[in-house]
């Protein structure tokens, strides 16, 4: 995974074309990049992100943020109830309980 200016890029290898191809994550807009070496790939990612930001500035539009800090999760109503009960037992909101639990899971 590549990181640049708060954008994340994922990479795949195309064996047929013998080239690495990538795309920025978490956007409706599409930012792609490619390279035959790790250096070319990283440079292409940086250039693509910079080009995207330049085009947004030129067109006077706000560039998309890769991650807004919001996401929706659909769950079974019984699980939803269990999570809400657990949060209530810990005297916190469901949102805060989920945030804490997710933070703990990635540490």
Protein backbone atom coordinates (compact mmCIF):
# COMPACT_ATOMS: atom_id res chain seq x y z
CA UNK A 1 0.00 0.00 0.00
CA UNK A 2 1.24 3.47 -0.88
CA UNK A 3 0.55 6.67 1.08
CA UNK A 4 0.84 10.24 -0.17
CA UNK A 5 -0.90 13.45 0.97
CA UNK A 6 -3.46 11.43 2.98
CA UNK A 7 -4.33 9.30 -0.07
CA UNK A 8 -3.86 5.54 -0.01
CA UNK A 9 -3.04 3.52 -3.09
CA UNK A 10 -3.43 -0.22 -3.57
CA UNK A 11 -1.36 -2.06 -6.12
CA UNK A 12 -1.75 -5.20 -8.21
CA UNK A 13 0.69 -6.84 -10.57
CA UNK A 14 -0.40 -7.51 -14.15
CA UNK A 15 1.73 -10.52 -15.11
CA UNK A 16 0.60 -10.39 -18.73
CA UNK A 17 1.62 -6.75 -19.13
CA UNK A 18 4.51 -7.09 -16.69
CA UNK A 19 3.47 -3.89 -14.96
CA UNK A 20 2.21 -2.78 -11.56
CA UNK A 21 -1.13 -0.98 -11.62
CA UNK A 22 -2.78 0.89 -8.76
CA UNK A 23 -5.74 2.94 -7.68
CA UNK A 24 -6.39 5.36 -4.83
CA UNK A 25 -8.75 4.04 -2.16
CA UNK A 26 -11.85 5.60 -0.64
CA UNK A 27 -12.88 7.94 -3.46
CA UNK A 28 -15.74 8.21 -5.93
CA UNK A 29 -13.29 9.99 -8.23
CA UNK A 30 -10.79 7.67 -9.87
CA UNK A 31 -7.05 8.14 -9.43
CA UNK A 32 -4.97 5.44 -11.14
CA UNK A 33 -1.24 4.96 -11.57
CA UNK A 34 1.22 2.41 -12.93
CA UNK A 35 4.89 1.54 -13.14
CA UNK A 36 7.31 -1.25 -14.01
CA UNK A 37 9.50 -0.70 -10.96
CA UNK A 38 8.69 0.27 -7.38
CA UNK A 39 10.25 3.69 -8.03
CA UNK A 40 8.17 4.26 -11.18
CA UNK A 41 5.05 3.11 -9.35
CA UNK A 42 5.59 5.48 -6.43
CA UNK A 43 6.42 8.41 -8.73
CA UNK A 44 3.33 7.71 -10.82
CA UNK A 45 1.17 7.63 -7.66
CA UNK A 46 2.54 10.98 -6.51
CA UNK A 47 2.08 12.51 -9.98
CA UNK A 48 -1.49 11.22 -10.24
CA UNK A 49 -2.48 12.58 -6.83
CA UNK A 50 -0.80 15.93 -7.58
CA UNK A 51 -2.55 16.10 -10.98
CA UNK A 52 -5.92 15.36 -9.34
CA UNK A 53 -5.37 18.11 -6.77
CA UNK A 54 -4.25 20.57 -9.48
CA UNK A 55 -7.34 19.82 -11.60
CA UNK A 56 -9.60 20.35 -8.60
CA UNK A 57 -7.90 23.68 -7.86
CA UNK A 58 -8.12 24.73 -11.52
CA UNK A 59 -11.84 23.89 -11.62
CA UNK A 60 -12.46 25.52 -8.21
CA UNK A 61 -13.86 22.33 -6.68
CA UNK A 62 -12.92 20.69 -3.42
CA UNK A 63 -10.99 17.47 -3.86
CA UNK A 64 -12.56 14.43 -2.31
CA UNK A 65 -11.16 13.42 1.03
CA UNK A 66 -10.11 9.78 0.94
CA UNK A 67 -11.98 8.97 4.14
CA UNK A 68 -14.74 11.10 5.61
CA UNK A 69 -14.77 9.50 9.04
CA UNK A 70 -18.25 8.11 8.46
CA UNK A 71 -19.38 4.69 7.36
CA UNK A 72 -22.63 2.78 7.64
CA UNK A 73 -22.83 -0.79 8.81
CA UNK A 74 -25.88 -2.97 8.38
CA UNK A 75 -26.29 -5.62 11.04
CA UNK A 76 -28.76 -8.10 12.32
CA UNK A 77 -31.24 -6.33 14.66
CA UNK A 78 -30.39 -8.76 17.47
CA UNK A 79 -26.68 -7.90 17.22
CA UNK A 80 -27.57 -4.19 17.13
CA UNK A 81 -29.53 -4.61 20.37
CA UNK A 82 -26.68 -6.56 22.01
CA UNK A 83 -24.15 -3.87 21.08
CA UNK A 84 -26.43 -1.10 22.37
CA UNK A 85 -26.89 -2.98 25.64
CA UNK A 86 -23.14 -3.46 26.01
CA UNK A 87 -22.53 0.25 25.41
CA UNK A 88 -25.21 1.16 27.94
CA UNK A 89 -23.64 -1.14 30.53
CA UNK A 90 -20.37 0.70 30.01
CA UNK A 91 -22.20 4.04 30.27
CA UNK A 92 -21.21 5.25 26.82
CA UNK A 93 -22.95 5.84 23.52
CA UNK A 94 -23.07 3.06 20.95
CA UNK A 95 -21.00 5.23 18.61
CA UNK A 96 -18.26 5.76 21.22
CA UNK A 97 -18.29 2.08 22.17
CA UNK A 98 -17.87 1.02 18.52
CA UNK A 99 -15.05 3.53 17.99
CA UNK A 100 -13.22 2.27 21.09
CA UNK A 101 -13.71 -1.37 20.07
CA UNK A 102 -12.46 -0.75 16.54
CA UNK A 103 -9.43 1.20 17.81
CA UNK A 104 -8.54 -1.71 20.07
CA UNK A 105 -8.87 -4.19 17.20
CA UNK A 106 -6.29 -2.40 15.01
CA UNK A 107 -3.65 -1.89 17.72
